[in-house]
Protein backbone atom coordinates (compact mmCIF):
# COMPACT_ATOMS: atom_id res chain seq x y z
CA MET A 1 7.44 27.20 26.93
CA SER A 2 10.79 26.19 25.43
CA ASP A 3 10.61 23.67 22.63
CA SER A 4 13.64 21.87 24.01
CA ALA A 5 13.34 18.91 26.45
CA PRO A 6 14.31 20.01 29.97
CA GLN A 7 17.86 19.30 30.95
CA VAL A 8 17.28 20.36 34.56
CA ILE A 9 14.16 19.74 36.68
CA CYS A 10 13.65 22.03 39.70
CA LEU A 11 11.30 20.73 42.36
CA GLY A 12 9.98 22.60 45.33
CA GLU A 13 8.49 25.85 46.50
CA ALA A 14 7.43 28.95 44.53
CA LEU A 15 6.39 31.80 46.73
CA VAL A 16 6.38 35.56 47.33
CA ASP A 17 9.17 37.29 49.29
CA ARG A 18 7.66 40.28 50.98
CA LEU A 19 10.69 42.51 51.53
CA GLY A 20 10.30 44.94 54.34
CA PRO A 21 11.89 48.45 54.17
CA LEU A 22 15.57 48.25 55.08
CA GLY A 23 15.89 47.89 58.81
CA CYS A 24 12.12 47.48 59.34
CA ASP A 25 9.84 44.56 60.17
CA PRO A 26 7.59 43.61 57.24
CA ALA A 27 5.04 42.18 59.66
CA THR A 28 4.33 45.64 61.03
CA ALA A 29 5.39 47.90 58.16
CA ASP A 30 2.86 49.56 55.95
CA PRO A 31 2.24 47.16 53.06
CA LYS A 32 2.72 50.13 50.69
CA ASP A 33 6.30 50.32 51.96
CA CYS A 34 6.95 46.63 51.33
CA ASP A 35 8.19 45.06 48.10
CA ASP A 36 6.58 41.84 47.03
CA ARG A 37 8.79 39.71 44.80
CA LEU A 38 8.23 36.28 43.25
CA GLY A 39 10.65 33.80 44.66
CA GLY A 40 11.29 30.45 46.32
CA ALA A 41 14.66 28.65 45.72
CA PRO A 42 13.63 26.08 43.19
CA ALA A 43 11.60 28.60 41.27
CA ASN A 44 14.41 31.07 41.40
CA VAL A 45 16.88 28.47 40.06
CA ALA A 46 14.50 27.47 37.25
CA CYS A 47 14.06 31.13 36.20
CA ALA A 48 17.81 31.78 36.28
CA LEU A 49 18.55 28.67 34.26
CA ALA A 50 15.98 29.68 31.61
CA ARG A 51 17.51 33.18 31.52
CA LEU A 52 20.93 31.62 30.94
CA GLY A 53 19.50 29.40 28.15
CA THR A 54 19.36 26.01 29.84
CA PRO A 55 15.96 24.15 29.13
CA VAL A 56 14.37 23.68 32.50
CA ALA A 57 11.22 22.44 34.05
CA PHE A 58 9.62 23.45 37.34
CA ILE A 59 7.60 21.08 39.57
CA GLY A 60 5.71 22.77 42.37
CA ARG A 61 2.20 23.77 43.59
CA LEU A 62 0.65 27.24 43.74
CA GLY A 63 -2.69 28.63 44.83
CA ALA A 64 -5.47 29.51 42.45
CA ASP A 65 -4.86 33.16 43.19
CA VAL A 66 -3.12 36.35 41.91
CA ILE A 67 0.32 35.03 42.99
CA GLY A 68 -0.24 31.71 41.22
CA ASN A 69 -1.37 33.59 38.07
CA ASN A 70 1.70 35.88 38.28
CA PHE A 71 3.94 32.92 38.60
CA GLN A 72 2.45 31.08 35.62
CA GLU A 73 2.81 34.20 33.49
CA MET A 74 6.40 34.95 34.57
CA LEU A 75 7.59 31.28 34.32
CA GLY A 76 5.96 30.92 31.01
CA ASN A 77 7.49 34.14 29.69
CA ARG A 78 10.92 32.85 30.76
CA GLY A 79 10.34 29.64 28.86
CA VAL A 80 10.18 27.29 31.88
CA ASP A 81 8.41 23.98 31.21
CA LEU A 82 5.29 24.10 33.45
CA ARG A 83 3.86 20.56 32.89
CA GLY A 84 4.80 19.77 36.50
CA LEU A 85 3.05 22.81 37.96
CA GLN A 86 0.04 22.00 40.16
CA ILE A 87 -2.74 24.47 41.09
CA ASP A 88 -4.36 24.07 44.48
CA PRO A 89 -8.04 25.16 44.54
CA GLN A 90 -8.11 25.58 48.30
CA ARG A 91 -4.75 26.55 49.70
CA PRO A 92 -3.20 29.94 48.90
CA SER A 93 0.30 30.58 47.58
CA ARG A 94 2.80 31.31 50.28
CA VAL A 95 3.95 34.84 51.28
CA VAL A 96 7.22 34.91 53.19
CA LEU A 97 8.07 37.91 55.34
CA VAL A 98 11.66 38.95 54.77
CA ARG A 99 13.40 41.38 57.07
CA ARG A 100 16.45 43.16 55.65
CA ASP A 101 19.14 45.03 57.50
CA SER A 102 20.68 48.26 56.25
CA SER A 103 23.20 46.27 54.19
CA GLY A 104 20.53 44.21 52.36
CA GLU A 105 21.20 40.96 54.30
CA ARG A 106 17.86 39.15 54.93
CA VAL A 107 16.18 36.95 57.57
CA PHE A 108 13.09 34.94 56.82
CA GLN A 109 10.75 35.48 59.76
CA GLY A 110 7.30 34.23 59.09
CA PHE A 111 4.36 34.02 56.66
CA ALA A 112 1.30 35.83 55.57
CA GLY A 113 -1.87 34.62 53.82
CA ASP A 114 -2.61 31.30 55.59
CA ARG A 115 -6.40 30.82 55.83
CA GLY A 116 -6.12 27.85 58.20
CA GLU A 117 -5.31 24.96 55.75
CA GLY A 118 -1.71 25.85 55.15
CA PHE A 119 -0.07 26.80 51.81
CA ALA A 120 -0.31 25.24 48.37
CA ASP A 121 3.38 24.30 48.28
CA GLN A 122 2.85 22.06 51.30
CA ALA A 123 0.38 19.93 49.41
CA LEU A 124 2.61 19.01 46.36
CA THR A 125 1.13 15.64 45.33
CA GLN A 126 2.77 12.57 43.89
CA THR A 127 -0.36 11.47 42.00
CA SER A 128 -0.20 14.55 39.80
CA LEU A 129 3.55 14.13 39.22
CA ASP A 130 3.68 10.42 38.21
CA PRO A 131 1.84 10.78 34.88
CA ILE A 132 4.30 13.40 33.47
CA TRP A 133 7.53 12.46 35.09
CA CYS A 134 8.80 10.29 32.21
CA ALA A 135 8.19 13.09 29.76
CA LEU A 136 10.02 15.66 31.91
CA ALA A 137 12.91 13.38 32.65
CA ALA A 138 13.46 12.09 29.07
CA GLU A 139 16.65 14.21 28.50
CA ALA A 140 17.14 15.61 31.98
CA ARG A 141 20.64 15.62 33.41
CA TRP A 142 19.82 17.02 36.86
CA LEU A 143 16.98 17.03 39.45
CA LEU A 144 17.46 20.02 41.77
CA VAL A 145 15.81 19.78 45.18
CA GLY A 146 16.03 21.52 48.57
CA THR A 147 14.98 20.51 52.06
CA ILE A 148 11.89 22.69 52.51
CA PRO A 149 9.46 20.10 51.06
CA LEU A 150 10.60 17.70 53.79
CA ALA A 151 8.76 19.80 56.38
CA THR A 152 5.33 18.67 55.24
CA GLN A 153 4.04 15.15 54.75
CA ASP A 154 2.56 15.45 51.26
CA SER A 155 5.41 17.38 49.79
CA LEU A 156 7.97 15.04 51.55
CA ALA A 157 6.42 11.99 49.91
CA THR A 158 6.43 13.68 46.50
CA LEU A 159 10.04 14.77 46.90
CA ARG A 160 11.12 11.22 47.86
CA SER A 161 9.17 9.74 44.87
CA ALA A 162 10.86 12.14 42.50
CA VAL A 163 14.29 11.34 43.85
CA SER A 164 13.64 7.62 43.52
CA GLN A 165 12.44 8.04 39.94
CA ALA A 166 15.45 10.23 39.12
CA GLU A 167 17.77 7.51 40.44
CA ARG A 168 15.93 4.88 38.32
CA ASP A 169 16.24 7.04 35.17
CA GLY A 170 19.90 8.00 35.74
CA VAL A 171 19.17 11.63 36.45
CA ARG A 172 21.72 13.23 38.76
CA ILE A 173 20.53 14.78 42.04
CA ALA A 174 21.63 18.17 43.09
CA LEU A 175 20.75 19.25 46.63
CA ASP A 176 20.80 22.91 47.79
CA VAL A 177 20.22 22.42 51.56
CA ASN A 178 18.62 25.87 52.00
CA TRP A 179 17.70 25.29 55.69
CA ARG A 180 14.89 27.66 56.75
CA PRO A 181 13.65 26.86 60.31
CA THR A 182 10.43 28.84 60.06
CA PHE A 183 9.20 26.41 57.37
CA TRP A 184 9.41 23.64 59.88
CA ASP A 185 8.20 25.49 63.00
CA ARG A 186 6.65 28.94 62.70
CA SER A 187 7.75 29.72 66.29
CA ALA A 188 11.42 28.80 65.61
CA GLU A 189 14.14 31.40 65.81
CA PRO A 190 15.05 32.44 62.22
CA LEU A 191 18.69 31.60 62.77
CA ALA A 192 18.13 28.26 64.60
CA GLY A 193 19.79 25.13 63.34
CA PRO A 194 18.04 21.88 62.33
CA THR A 195 16.29 19.81 64.96
CA PRO A 196 17.18 16.14 65.36
CA GLU A 197 13.98 15.23 63.56
CA ALA A 198 14.78 17.45 60.60
CA LEU A 199 18.28 15.99 60.45
CA VAL A 200 16.86 12.48 60.20
CA LEU A 201 14.65 13.53 57.28
CA MET A 202 17.51 15.25 55.54
CA GLN A 203 19.87 12.30 55.74
CA PRO A 204 18.54 10.23 52.84
CA LEU A 205 18.87 13.22 50.52
CA LEU A 206 22.36 13.82 51.60
CA GLU A 207 23.22 10.16 50.94
CA LYS A 208 21.74 10.27 47.38
CA ALA A 209 22.88 13.61 45.97
CA GLN A 210 25.73 13.75 43.52
CA LEU A 211 26.09 17.51 44.02
CA ILE A 212 25.62 19.30 47.36
CA LYS A 213 25.56 23.03 47.83
CA LEU A 214 25.33 24.40 51.33
CA ALA A 215 26.24 27.46 53.41
CA ARG A 216 29.01 27.28 55.92
CA GLU A 217 26.66 27.16 58.90
CA GLU A 218 24.61 24.41 57.24
CA ALA A 219 27.81 22.42 56.71
CA GLN A 220 28.65 22.80 60.43
CA TRP A 221 25.13 21.74 61.52
CA LEU A 222 25.04 18.73 59.18
CA PHE A 223 28.64 17.52 59.08
CA ARG A 224 30.45 19.43 61.81
CA SER A 225 32.88 20.55 59.15
CA SER A 226 32.89 23.19 56.46
CA ASP A 227 35.63 21.47 54.45
CA PRO A 228 34.07 20.33 51.19
CA ALA A 229 36.49 17.42 50.74
CA ALA A 230 35.81 16.17 54.26
CA ILE A 231 32.10 16.41 53.70
CA SER A 232 32.35 14.42 50.51
CA ALA A 233 34.47 11.80 52.13
CA SER A 234 31.88 11.35 54.88
CA LEU A 235 29.29 10.18 52.37
CA LEU A 236 29.40 6.85 50.57
CA GLN A 237 28.58 8.26 47.09
CA ARG A 238 31.48 10.88 47.46
CA PRO A 239 29.44 13.77 46.06
CA ASP A 240 30.74 17.07 44.68
CA VAL A 241 30.41 19.70 47.40
CA LEU A 242 30.37 23.50 47.39
CA VAL A 243 30.28 25.56 50.55
CA THR A 244 29.33 29.25 50.42
CA ASP A 245 29.91 31.74 53.27
CA GLY A 246 28.27 35.09 52.53
CA GLY A 247 31.07 37.55 51.78
CA GLN A 248 33.77 35.00 52.52
CA PRO A 249 35.40 32.78 49.87
CA VAL A 250 33.44 29.91 48.31
CA ARG A 251 35.10 26.54 48.70
CA TRP A 252 34.64 23.39 46.66
CA PHE A 253 35.44 19.80 46.06
CA LEU A 254 34.30 19.34 42.46
CA ALA A 255 35.34 16.70 39.88
CA GLY A 256 38.05 15.57 42.27
CA HIS A 257 39.53 19.06 42.67
CA CYS A 258 39.66 21.22 45.77
CA GLY A 259 39.68 24.98 45.56
CA SER A 260 38.48 28.22 46.94
CA MET A 261 37.68 31.69 45.53
CA PRO A 262 36.95 35.11 46.96
CA VAL A 263 33.36 36.22 46.33
CA LEU A 264 33.00 38.57 43.35
CA ALA A 265 31.91 42.10 44.39
CA PRO A 266 28.64 43.16 42.75
CA PRO A 267 28.29 46.51 41.08
CA GLN A 268 26.12 47.48 44.07
CA ILE A 269 24.27 45.67 46.81
CA VAL A 270 20.44 46.27 46.87
CA ASP A 271 19.23 42.96 48.10
CA THR A 272 20.97 39.59 48.62
CA THR A 273 17.80 37.54 48.24
CA GLY A 274 18.32 34.88 45.61
CA ALA A 275 22.05 35.29 45.20
CA GLY A 276 22.68 31.74 46.29
CA ASP A 277 20.01 30.44 43.86
CA ALA A 278 21.57 32.32 40.99
CA PHE A 279 24.88 30.77 41.97
CA THR A 280 23.29 27.32 41.84
CA ALA A 281 21.82 28.09 38.43
CA GLY A 282 25.10 29.27 37.04
CA LEU A 283 26.78 26.15 38.32
CA LEU A 284 24.22 23.79 36.78
CA HIS A 285 24.15 25.76 33.56
CA GLN A 286 27.92 25.21 33.10
CA LEU A 287 27.80 21.55 34.16
CA VAL A 288 25.01 20.76 31.70
CA LYS A 289 27.18 22.15 28.95
CA LEU A 290 30.35 20.40 30.07
CA ILE A 291 28.94 16.96 30.96
CA PRO A 292 26.91 15.83 27.92
CA LEU A 293 25.69 12.43 28.99
CA THR A 294 23.77 11.33 32.12
CA GLY A 295 25.53 8.90 34.34
CA GLN A 296 29.08 9.68 33.31
CA PRO A 297 31.54 10.82 36.02
CA PHE A 298 32.87 14.37 35.97
CA GLN A 299 36.18 14.60 34.07
CA LEU A 300 37.07 18.26 34.31
CA SER A 301 40.41 19.88 34.88
CA ALA A 302 41.13 22.05 37.90
CA LYS A 303 41.23 25.14 35.60
CA VAL A 304 37.87 24.34 34.13
CA VAL A 305 36.32 23.71 37.50
CA GLU A 306 37.51 27.15 38.73
CA GLN A 307 36.02 28.73 35.62
CA VAL A 308 32.68 26.95 36.25
CA VAL A 309 32.60 28.29 39.87
CA ARG A 310 33.66 31.77 38.80
CA PHE A 311 30.70 31.90 36.27
CA ALA A 312 28.37 30.76 39.04
CA ALA A 313 29.74 33.40 41.46
CA ALA A 314 29.22 36.12 38.86
CA CYS A 315 25.60 35.10 38.53
CA GLY A 316 25.22 35.42 42.24
CA ALA A 317 26.93 38.79 42.41
CA LEU A 318 24.81 40.31 39.63
CA VAL A 319 21.51 39.31 41.42
CA CYS A 320 22.61 41.33 44.48
CA ALA A 321 22.53 44.53 42.36
CA GLY A 322 18.74 44.53 42.10
CA ALA A 323 15.61 43.95 44.20
CA GLY A 324 14.23 40.44 44.55
CA ALA A 325 15.53 37.10 43.48
CA ILE A 326 14.26 36.82 39.86
CA ASP A 327 14.17 40.31 38.17
CA PRO A 328 17.94 40.96 38.38
CA GLN A 329 18.95 37.46 37.04
CA PRO A 330 21.50 37.94 34.25
CA LEU A 331 21.61 36.95 30.74
CA PRO A 332 24.81 35.02 29.63
CA SER A 333 26.15 38.12 27.90
CA MET A 334 25.77 40.09 31.16
CA VAL A 335 27.83 37.49 33.06
CA VAL A 336 30.62 37.48 30.37
CA GLU A 337 30.72 41.25 30.38
CA PHE A 338 30.87 41.40 34.20
CA LEU A 339 33.74 38.88 34.29
CA ASP A 340 35.55 40.71 31.44
CA GLN A 341 35.33 43.97 33.47
CA LEU A 342 36.80 42.27 36.54
CA ASP A 343 39.71 40.95 34.38
CA SER A 344 40.43 44.28 32.71
């Protein structure tokens, strides 16, 4: 564990992505042909931040099983603060079935391992979080959350409590929407949009976040627009907004500046899982360095903002060059080298 106090707190799910063979269904494929990788968006971001050198804590819940043990070892080796990690003695860690097409693009299509009581991440509890929150948040600049914990009552209550405490303590809230319909309804189509009930649960987060990152289709579902400036203007707190769109340009409204940038081509595409999480980590890593004090408004030039987004985009591109969301995450030197090669 890092000796430095966390500057970012990531709250949410840690799980295993079971990657099926390219073009095959992981639910029916021979397990020996599948590739199990540690993942989950908040855990991915925490690992990527630690790899980049930003002190980070992870708040989540895992089963008392092999997956839970592997996560504790991996997160600990990365230097992630694990005081907020809960271990569930009854529910298992979640395994997500990931179907990949021939280009590496993925669809989350179900789960494995449920023994009838659900998964550990669904039971993230507020009572275990309250005693250690103040210690974790003492120097934190950002609390990163997603929408998946909203799908279950216990984790929903814990997420809302953490957001309230972050507001009280002046910790900025970053929201990566990360809509995954199968986490809400296992029978849902993997590409379905949010239900009216899910939209109602998401709205308070959208109204509290200072930074919102979302995919183009998520922007259309939630705001009927993919224009970052228009999305920001529709919310009272006028958050910074970034909209990604797969291989299309990323667009932003950040520190009062609008812009767009073509995606950076990775050295090769093996698997796109975790690319968006690496992007988010690169973004927060840069903002932590550039904005030294909690509660102060962004005062960055348009040129600096573009450099911040470019660094984040490089982090995302490099993750696509390896399997899984965590193992390919780059060191800062790798990001700089990659950007230098693009410029040469």
